[in-house]
Amino acid sequence: RAETAFRLLFLSRGRHPIFLSKLRYDGDWSFRPRDVANLTKYAGHELEVPLNWQTVGLDRSALEWSDSPVLMISGEKPPTFSDADVAKLGEYIRAGGLLYTESNRDSAEFTHFAEELAHRLFPNRALSPIPPTHPLYNSVFNLSPDATLPLEGVSNGSRLLMIHSPGDISRKWHPRYEKTDSNALQMGINIAIYGTGRRDLRNRIASLNVTVPPTPPLATVPIARVQYGGNWDPEPGAWERMAKLMQLNTGFHCDVRPIPARLLDARVTPIADLTGTDAVTFSSDELTAMNRFVTDGGLLLIDACGGSPAFARSIHDQFIDKIGELPEVVDDRSPLFDRSIDGMRDLSHPRLRNFAETHDLSATGQLLHVHRDLGDVIFTPLDLTSGLLGTNTWGITGFEPDYAQAVVNNVIILGVRESGRIEGEAATTP
């Protein structure tokens, strides 16, 4: 009977989205036992959607943590995390997750732990104040740092990877504050919805994990990730997941390799991907190699990760505007839209993320194509890279994740078809 009751309970609530996960560890992880439960109940009422929450242990895999896009770690006394624990947290973040840490009772000791954890996770970055203009503060409710407590964060230039509250926000995640002081509850919702992107929340059964089939790939496609002196790899997990999707959907194994821009060679890697989040100045050697890559028959895909205007301007000013050919808008006449080619996906209805649509952007005309000599450049000032993770983080100006994956899928198929070079067998699409 108990088993039957559990099954009925799971059927009634098991498909409800996980609003927030809280990490169990050896220590006072449950300093406020009902904090997340209270927040989730309040959020369900405010958002008018049934929600669940859960606790997860360090003994579980990062894949299981990914039921929720936000993982909370809180306490007064700092926990002790092994290198394996930190690696698991890094795996969760790499797959698109957001880590939220909070110091109960405004514990300076726990904040010091959060600073050290940030350094272990991101050696080249540090916690810093999140500016009041950041999209986090208006993902649902329009708040300011002064409305609750100033928050700190670590960003990859496109999204927040970690948020820390030095103050005890969850102290007011209690029903008695709903009428008198709801700012802390609203900030809790903002943090969670920042991770989900203000769209229908994904239920726990709809996993973003991609499993590669056990069958051997049809062939191997070498792809270059272009390295330069800047933030060339803001989302390391993006192409890892995209490569799995390609093998699952097309049978092609993508051999994705970091290649310095000055060493690009279309004969070695006929497809190359270039992304970034900041303004960049390429050297003359890098620009020469990028031009030669295209004229020799390579296909170069360029996007502005996160929708960075600064990176997009750098690409326009230094490369697109000087390549010698005018860019054309990719439309249904483009080979990228050719569904007659095996493996190509439907691109006829461009779709943007909710955040981009709130800024009145149109999906039309956002993909540009330059053909020069034997090769091609596909460029967009919008984000594709983050979309390869499958997550919907708020604040990213780009294509909806499934559409971004479809664009990259078609770029790879087209690159294989036009280059006539893949490793393992003759160049034919699957």
Protein backbone atom coordinates (compact mmCIF):
# COMPACT_ATOMS: atom_id res chain seq x y z
CA ARG A 1 0.00 0.00 0.00
CA ALA A 2 2.80 2.40 0.83
CA GLU A 3 4.40 1.69 -2.55
CA THR A 4 1.08 2.34 -4.30
CA ALA A 5 0.65 5.60 -2.41
CA PHE A 6 4.14 6.70 -3.41
CA ARG A 7 3.46 5.93 -7.07
CA LEU A 8 0.24 7.94 -6.97
CA LEU A 9 2.07 10.82 -5.31
CA PHE A 10 4.80 10.72 -7.98
CA LEU A 11 2.25 10.69 -10.79
CA SER A 12 0.49 13.69 -9.29
CA ARG A 13 3.58 15.75 -8.49
CA GLY A 14 6.61 14.01 -9.96
CA ARG A 15 6.34 15.81 -13.27
CA HIS A 16 6.15 19.23 -11.63
CA PRO A 17 9.28 21.30 -12.32
CA ILE A 18 12.00 21.45 -9.68
CA PHE A 19 12.17 25.14 -8.83
CA LEU A 20 15.31 24.92 -6.72
CA SER A 21 17.64 22.23 -5.41
CA LYS A 22 19.46 22.48 -2.08
CA LEU A 23 22.73 20.67 -1.43
CA ARG A 24 23.13 18.37 1.58
CA TYR A 25 26.61 18.20 3.07
CA ASP A 26 28.25 17.23 6.34
CA GLY A 27 27.41 20.26 8.44
CA ASP A 28 24.57 22.76 8.94
CA TRP A 29 23.24 22.61 5.38
CA SER A 30 19.71 22.66 6.86
CA PHE A 31 20.21 25.69 9.09
CA ARG A 32 16.76 26.86 7.97
CA PRO A 33 14.94 23.58 7.21
CA ARG A 34 11.91 25.16 5.51
CA ASP A 35 13.54 27.99 3.59
CA VAL A 36 13.39 26.49 0.08
CA ALA A 37 10.00 24.87 0.76
CA ASN A 38 8.55 28.25 1.77
CA LEU A 39 10.09 30.00 -1.23
CA THR A 40 8.81 27.33 -3.62
CA LYS A 41 5.27 27.58 -2.24
CA TYR A 42 5.34 31.37 -2.57
CA ALA A 43 6.77 31.13 -6.10
CA GLY A 44 4.11 28.64 -7.17
CA HIS A 45 1.43 31.07 -6.02
CA GLU A 46 3.05 34.12 -7.64
CA LEU A 47 3.88 32.37 -10.93
CA GLU A 48 0.64 30.37 -10.98
CA VAL A 49 2.37 27.08 -11.71
CA PRO A 50 2.79 23.95 -9.55
CA LEU A 51 6.40 23.63 -8.40
CA ASN A 52 8.53 21.19 -6.46
CA TRP A 53 11.85 21.52 -4.66
CA GLN A 54 14.39 18.94 -3.59
CA THR A 55 17.54 18.30 -1.62
CA VAL A 56 20.46 16.57 -3.31
CA GLY A 57 23.54 14.99 -1.79
CA LEU A 58 27.19 15.14 -2.66
CA ASP A 59 27.00 11.40 -3.20
CA ARG A 60 24.73 11.90 -6.21
CA SER A 61 25.93 12.70 -9.72
CA ALA A 62 25.93 16.19 -11.21
CA LEU A 63 23.51 14.81 -13.78
CA GLU A 64 20.95 14.20 -11.03
CA TRP A 65 21.48 17.73 -9.72
CA SER A 66 20.53 19.09 -13.14
CA ASP A 67 16.83 18.43 -12.45
CA SER A 68 16.95 22.09 -11.43
CA PRO A 69 18.96 24.86 -13.14
CA VAL A 70 19.84 26.38 -9.73
CA LEU A 71 21.67 24.63 -6.88
CA MET A 72 21.71 26.33 -3.47
CA ILE A 73 24.40 25.88 -0.81
CA SER A 74 23.82 27.68 2.48
CA GLY A 75 24.98 27.55 6.06
CA GLU A 76 26.62 29.41 8.92
CA LYS A 77 29.68 27.22 9.34
CA PRO A 78 31.62 26.48 6.14
CA PRO A 79 31.59 22.93 4.81
CA THR A 80 34.69 21.06 3.74
CA PHE A 81 34.57 20.07 0.08
CA SER A 82 37.03 17.64 -1.45
CA ASP A 83 38.52 18.20 -4.89
CA ALA A 84 36.07 15.59 -6.19
CA ASP A 85 33.16 17.55 -4.69
CA VAL A 86 34.34 20.77 -6.32
CA ALA A 87 34.85 18.97 -9.64
CA LYS A 88 31.24 17.78 -9.46
CA LEU A 89 30.04 21.33 -8.83
CA GLY A 90 32.11 22.45 -11.81
CA GLU A 91 30.51 19.75 -13.96
CA TYR A 92 27.06 21.00 -12.97
CA ILE A 93 27.96 24.59 -13.86
CA ARG A 94 29.69 23.52 -17.08
CA ALA A 95 26.43 21.91 -18.19
CA GLY A 96 24.61 25.24 -17.74
CA GLY A 97 23.73 25.16 -14.04
CA LEU A 98 23.83 28.13 -11.67
CA LEU A 99 25.32 27.86 -8.17
CA TYR A 100 23.74 30.02 -5.43
CA THR A 101 25.50 30.29 -2.07
CA GLU A 102 24.20 32.12 0.99
CA SER A 103 25.65 33.01 4.37
CA ASN A 104 23.10 32.27 7.09
CA ARG A 105 23.21 34.77 9.96
CA ASP A 106 25.40 36.95 7.71
CA SER A 107 28.28 34.61 8.48
CA ALA A 108 31.61 36.13 7.41
CA GLU A 109 33.13 32.67 7.78
CA PHE A 110 30.72 31.21 5.21
CA THR A 111 31.33 34.13 2.85
CA HIS A 112 35.05 33.39 3.05
CA PHE A 113 34.24 29.79 2.14
CA ALA A 114 32.21 31.01 -0.87
CA GLU A 115 35.13 33.16 -2.02
CA GLU A 116 37.51 30.21 -1.78
CA LEU A 117 35.01 27.95 -3.56
CA ALA A 118 34.73 30.48 -6.38
CA HIS A 119 38.52 30.48 -6.73
CA ARG A 120 38.63 26.67 -6.82
CA LEU A 121 35.88 26.57 -9.44
CA PHE A 122 37.07 29.54 -11.51
CA PRO A 123 40.80 30.15 -10.94
CA ASN A 124 40.88 33.12 -13.32
CA ARG A 125 37.76 34.81 -11.94
CA ALA A 126 36.60 36.11 -8.57
CA LEU A 127 33.37 37.02 -6.84
CA SER A 128 32.52 40.67 -7.47
CA PRO A 129 29.46 42.86 -6.88
CA ILE A 130 26.65 42.24 -9.37
CA PRO A 131 25.81 45.66 -10.86
CA PRO A 132 22.29 46.99 -10.21
CA THR A 133 21.62 47.05 -13.96
CA HIS A 134 22.13 43.28 -14.28
CA PRO A 135 19.11 41.33 -15.65
CA LEU A 136 19.10 39.27 -12.44
CA TYR A 137 17.38 42.12 -10.66
CA ASN A 138 14.40 42.19 -13.04
CA SER A 139 14.02 38.60 -14.21
CA VAL A 140 10.54 38.66 -12.63
CA PHE A 141 10.30 41.46 -10.08
CA ASN A 142 11.99 44.82 -10.55
CA LEU A 143 14.30 45.01 -7.57
CA SER A 144 17.47 46.84 -6.64
CA PRO A 145 20.39 45.61 -4.54
CA ASP A 146 19.20 47.92 -1.77
CA ALA A 147 15.81 46.16 -1.73
CA THR A 148 17.38 43.12 -0.08
CA LEU A 149 21.14 42.83 0.18
CA PRO A 150 23.87 43.38 -2.41
CA LEU A 151 24.73 40.18 -4.26
CA GLU A 152 28.07 39.04 -5.61
CA GLY A 153 28.68 36.82 -8.59
CA VAL A 154 31.05 35.18 -11.04
CA SER A 155 30.27 35.63 -14.73
CA ASN A 156 31.71 34.11 -17.89
CA GLY A 157 30.79 37.27 -19.79
CA SER A 158 27.51 35.78 -20.96
CA ARG A 159 25.79 34.46 -17.83
CA LEU A 160 26.29 34.26 -14.10
CA LEU A 161 27.93 30.99 -13.10
CA MET A 162 27.71 31.61 -9.36
CA ILE A 163 25.77 34.02 -7.15
CA HIS A 164 26.63 34.64 -3.50
CA SER A 165 24.64 36.48 -0.88
CA PRO A 166 26.83 37.60 2.04
CA GLY A 167 23.59 38.31 3.89
CA ASP A 168 20.87 36.00 5.14
CA ILE A 169 18.16 36.47 2.51
CA SER A 170 16.47 33.14 3.25
CA ARG A 171 15.73 34.28 6.82
CA LYS A 172 12.76 36.07 5.29
CA TRP A 173 11.66 33.20 3.08
CA HIS A 174 8.81 32.72 5.51
CA PRO A 175 5.04 33.19 5.05
CA ARG A 176 4.92 35.92 7.70
CA TYR A 177 6.97 38.20 5.43
CA GLU A 178 4.75 37.80 2.36
CA LYS A 179 2.66 40.86 3.21
CA THR A 180 5.09 43.00 5.18
CA ASP A 181 8.53 42.49 3.58
CA SER A 182 8.39 40.40 0.41
CA ASN A 183 11.63 41.66 -1.17
CA ALA A 184 13.66 38.68 0.02
CA LEU A 185 11.07 36.23 -1.33
CA GLN A 186 10.96 38.12 -4.62
CA MET A 187 14.75 38.09 -4.87
CA GLY A 188 14.70 34.34 -4.32
CA ILE A 189 12.28 34.00 -7.22
CA ASN A 190 14.43 36.29 -9.37
CA ILE A 191 17.49 34.10 -8.73
CA ALA A 192 15.64 30.90 -9.63
CA ILE A 193 13.93 32.36 -12.70
CA TYR A 194 17.22 33.87 -13.89
CA GLY A 195 18.39 30.28 -14.17
CA THR A 196 15.30 29.14 -16.08
CA GLY A 197 14.89 32.09 -18.43
CA ARG A 198 11.29 33.13 -17.75
CA ARG A 199 9.73 30.38 -19.80
CA ASP A 200 7.83 27.19 -19.07
CA LEU A 201 9.87 25.41 -16.45
CA ARG A 202 11.30 22.06 -17.54
CA ASN A 203 9.91 19.08 -15.66
CA ARG A 204 12.36 16.68 -14.06
CA ILE A 205 11.75 13.99 -16.72
CA ALA A 206 12.80 16.28 -19.60
CA SER A 207 16.56 15.83 -19.15
CA LEU A 208 19.06 17.88 -21.16
CA ASN A 209 21.63 15.12 -20.90
CA VAL A 210 22.64 13.59 -24.24
CA THR A 211 23.80 9.99 -24.38
CA VAL A 212 25.95 8.95 -27.33
CA PRO A 213 24.73 5.72 -28.95
CA PRO A 214 27.03 2.69 -28.61
CA THR A 215 27.18 2.15 -32.38
CA PRO A 216 30.34 3.36 -34.16
CA PRO A 217 30.02 6.76 -35.88
CA LEU A 218 29.63 6.93 -39.64
CA ALA A 219 32.61 9.25 -39.88
CA THR A 220 34.59 11.87 -37.98
CA VAL A 221 34.25 15.59 -38.69
CA PRO A 222 37.22 17.72 -37.55
CA ILE A 223 36.09 21.10 -36.18
CA ALA A 224 38.34 23.91 -34.92
CA ARG A 225 37.47 26.05 -31.91
CA VAL A 226 39.34 29.26 -32.68
CA GLN A 227 41.69 30.40 -29.90
CA TYR A 228 42.79 34.02 -29.51
CA GLY A 229 43.94 36.34 -26.74
CA GLY A 230 40.54 36.75 -25.12
CA ASN A 231 37.48 34.90 -23.84
CA TRP A 232 37.44 32.42 -26.72
CA ASP A 233 35.78 29.58 -24.73
CA PRO A 234 33.16 31.08 -22.39
CA GLU A 235 31.02 27.91 -22.37
CA PRO A 236 33.30 24.83 -22.45
CA GLY A 237 30.32 22.49 -22.12
CA ALA A 238 28.50 23.86 -25.17
CA TRP A 239 30.41 22.06 -27.91
CA GLU A 240 30.78 18.96 -25.75
CA ARG A 241 27.00 18.61 -25.73
CA MET A 242 26.62 19.64 -29.39
CA ALA A 243 29.09 16.96 -30.46
CA LYS A 244 26.98 14.35 -28.67
CA LEU A 245 23.82 15.67 -30.33
CA MET A 246 25.44 15.44 -33.76
CA GLN A 247 26.48 11.84 -33.25
CA LEU A 248 23.05 10.94 -31.87
CA ASN A 249 21.11 12.66 -34.67
CA THR A 250 23.37 12.26 -37.71
CA GLY A 251 25.93 9.58 -36.95
CA PHE A 252 28.83 12.03 -37.31
CA HIS A 253 31.45 12.17 -34.57
CA CYS A 254 32.65 15.76 -34.18
CA ASP A 255 36.34 15.93 -33.30
CA VAL A 256 36.33 19.41 -31.75
CA ARG A 257 39.85 20.80 -31.33
CA PRO A 258 41.15 24.12 -29.96
CA ILE A 259 43.27 25.71 -32.69
CA PRO A 260 45.07 29.08 -32.41
CA ALA A 261 43.63 31.56 -34.92
CA ARG A 262 47.00 32.05 -36.62
CA LEU A 263 47.24 28.28 -37.29
CA LEU A 264 43.82 27.77 -38.90
CA ASP A 265 44.05 25.47 -41.91
CA ALA A 266 41.01 24.44 -43.95
CA ARG A 267 42.85 21.33 -45.09
CA VAL A 268 43.04 20.10 -41.48
CA THR A 269 39.76 21.38 -40.02
CA PRO A 270 37.32 22.41 -42.78
CA ILE A 271 34.88 23.82 -40.20
CA ALA A 272 35.80 26.37 -37.53
CA ASP A 273 33.85 28.07 -34.76
CA LEU A 274 34.70 31.51 -33.35
CA THR A 275 32.93 33.10 -30.40
CA GLY A 276 33.56 35.60 -27.61
CA THR A 277 31.99 37.95 -25.08
CA ASP A 278 34.20 41.04 -25.20
CA ALA A 279 35.84 43.43 -27.60
CA VAL A 280 38.90 41.81 -29.14
CA THR A 281 41.80 42.99 -31.28
CA PHE A 282 43.11 40.31 -33.61
CA SER A 283 46.73 40.38 -34.73
CA SER A 284 47.58 40.73 -38.40
CA ASP A 285 48.74 37.09 -38.43
CA GLU A 286 45.40 35.96 -36.99
CA LEU A 287 43.38 37.96 -39.51
CA THR A 288 45.53 36.69 -42.38
CA ALA A 289 45.02 33.09 -41.27
CA MET A 290 41.26 33.58 -40.86
CA ASN A 291 40.99 35.05 -44.36
CA ARG A 292 43.13 32.28 -45.82
CA PHE A 293 41.00 29.67 -44.06
CA VAL A 294 37.91 30.98 -45.84
CA THR A 295 39.47 31.46 -49.27
CA ASP A 296 40.89 27.93 -49.11
CA GLY A 297 37.39 26.50 -48.73
CA GLY A 298 36.77 26.52 -44.98
CA LEU A 299 33.44 27.30 -43.34
CA LEU A 300 33.80 29.73 -40.43
CA LEU A 301 30.90 30.08 -37.98
CA ILE A 302 30.97 33.20 -35.79
CA ASP A 303 28.55 34.19 -33.03
CA ALA A 304 28.59 36.72 -30.20
CA CYS A 305 28.23 34.60 -27.06
CA GLY A 306 25.47 36.01 -24.88
CA GLY A 307 24.70 38.46 -27.67
CA SER A 308 27.72 40.63 -26.83
CA PRO A 309 27.57 43.88 -28.88
CA ALA A 310 31.27 44.53 -28.17
CA PHE A 311 32.40 41.22 -29.68
CA ALA A 312 30.03 41.60 -32.63
CA ARG A 313 31.46 45.06 -33.38
CA SER A 314 35.01 43.70 -33.25
CA ILE A 315 34.12 41.00 -35.78
CA HIS A 316 32.40 43.48 -38.07
CA ASP A 317 35.14 46.09 -37.91
CA GLN A 318 38.14 43.78 -38.27
CA PHE A 319 36.86 40.91 -40.37
CA ILE A 320 33.38 41.01 -41.93
CA ASP A 321 33.67 44.56 -43.27
CA LYS A 322 37.11 43.85 -44.74
CA ILE A 323 36.64 40.41 -46.21
CA GLY A 324 35.95 41.84 -49.65
CA GLU A 325 32.38 40.60 -50.12
CA LEU A 326 29.14 42.05 -48.83
CA PRO A 327 27.30 39.86 -46.32
CA GLU A 328 23.88 38.59 -47.32
CA VAL A 329 21.00 37.72 -45.02
CA VAL A 330 20.55 33.97 -44.69
CA ASP A 331 17.01 33.13 -45.86
CA ASP A 332 15.11 30.22 -47.37
CA ARG A 333 17.23 30.44 -50.54
CA SER A 334 20.37 29.66 -48.56
CA PRO A 335 21.89 26.17 -48.54
CA LEU A 336 21.51 26.32 -44.74
CA PHE A 337 17.76 25.98 -45.30
CA ASP A 338 18.01 23.10 -47.79
CA ARG A 339 16.00 20.27 -46.21
CA SER A 340 16.69 18.02 -49.20
CA ILE A 341 20.17 17.39 -47.77
CA ASP A 342 20.12 14.47 -45.35
CA GLY A 343 20.58 15.52 -41.74
CA MET A 344 19.53 19.15 -42.22
CA ARG A 345 17.02 20.61 -39.76
CA ASP A 346 14.18 23.04 -40.40
CA LEU A 347 15.27 26.68 -40.01
CA SER A 348 12.22 28.25 -41.65
CA HIS A 349 10.84 29.72 -38.42
CA PRO A 350 13.60 31.55 -36.50
CA ARG A 351 12.96 31.70 -32.77
CA LEU A 352 14.56 33.98 -30.20
CA ARG A 353 14.93 33.61 -26.46
CA ASN A 354 12.32 35.36 -24.33
CA PHE A 355 14.92 37.87 -23.13
CA ALA A 356 15.68 38.92 -26.72
CA GLU A 357 12.00 39.28 -27.52
CA THR A 358 11.47 41.58 -24.52
CA HIS A 359 14.02 43.88 -26.17
CA ASP A 360 11.91 43.98 -29.36
CA LEU A 361 14.51 42.16 -31.44
CA SER A 362 13.43 40.38 -34.58
CA ALA A 363 14.79 36.96 -35.50
CA THR A 364 14.68 37.93 -39.18
CA GLY A 365 17.97 39.02 -40.70
CA GLN A 366 20.12 37.98 -37.75
CA LEU A 367 22.08 35.31 -39.66
CA LEU A 368 24.52 36.65 -42.25
CA HIS A 369 26.43 34.78 -44.95
CA VAL A 370 29.59 35.83 -46.76
CA HIS A 371 30.89 33.71 -49.64
CA ARG A 372 34.46 34.32 -50.72
CA ASP A 373 36.43 32.26 -53.23
CA LEU A 374 36.03 28.63 -52.08
CA GLY A 375 34.77 29.24 -48.57
CA ASP A 376 32.04 30.77 -46.44
CA VAL A 377 31.43 32.73 -43.26
CA ILE A 378 28.21 32.43 -41.26
CA PHE A 379 27.95 35.26 -38.74
CA THR A 380 25.34 36.34 -36.21
CA PRO A 381 25.52 39.13 -33.61
CA LEU A 382 23.22 36.96 -31.48
CA ASP A 383 24.08 34.03 -29.25
CA LEU A 384 24.35 30.49 -30.58
CA THR A 385 26.97 29.11 -28.20
CA SER A 386 24.92 29.25 -24.98
CA GLY A 387 22.03 27.64 -26.83
CA LEU A 388 24.10 24.51 -27.39
CA LEU A 389 23.78 23.80 -23.66
CA GLY A 390 20.01 23.54 -24.03
CA THR A 391 19.45 25.84 -21.04
CA ASN A 392 17.42 29.06 -21.03
CA THR A 393 19.33 31.38 -18.71
CA TRP A 394 17.80 34.86 -18.54
CA GLY A 395 19.83 37.81 -19.83
CA ILE A 396 21.15 36.15 -23.00
CA THR A 397 20.35 37.83 -26.30
CA GLY A 398 20.22 34.98 -28.73
CA PHE A 399 18.34 32.28 -30.54
CA GLU A 400 16.13 29.86 -28.61
CA PRO A 401 18.31 26.85 -27.69
CA ASP A 402 16.70 24.29 -29.98
CA TYR A 403 16.93 26.69 -32.92
CA ALA A 404 20.57 27.48 -32.10
CA GLN A 405 21.33 23.76 -32.14
CA ALA A 406 19.54 23.43 -35.49
CA VAL A 407 21.65 26.24 -36.99
CA VAL A 408 24.91 24.66 -35.83
CA ASN A 409 23.73 21.23 -37.00
CA ASN A 410 23.13 22.62 -40.50
CA VAL A 411 26.43 24.49 -40.53
CA ILE A 412 28.26 21.23 -39.79
CA ILE A 413 26.32 19.25 -42.41
CA LEU A 414 26.88 21.99 -44.98
CA GLY A 415 30.57 22.23 -44.10
CA VAL A 416 30.99 18.50 -44.58
CA ARG A 417 29.15 18.60 -47.90
CA GLU A 418 31.04 21.57 -49.32
CA SER A 419 34.50 20.63 -48.10
CA GLY A 420 34.34 17.07 -49.37
CA ARG A 421 36.64 16.09 -46.52
CA ILE A 422 35.80 14.06 -43.46
CA GLU A 423 37.85 11.50 -41.60
CA GLY A 424 36.86 7.86 -41.78
CA GLU A 425 35.09 7.54 -45.10
CA ALA A 426 34.17 9.42 -48.26
CA ALA A 427 32.43 12.76 -47.81
CA THR A 428 28.74 11.98 -47.83
CA THR A 429 26.10 13.24 -45.49
CA PRO A 430 24.40 10.63 -43.35
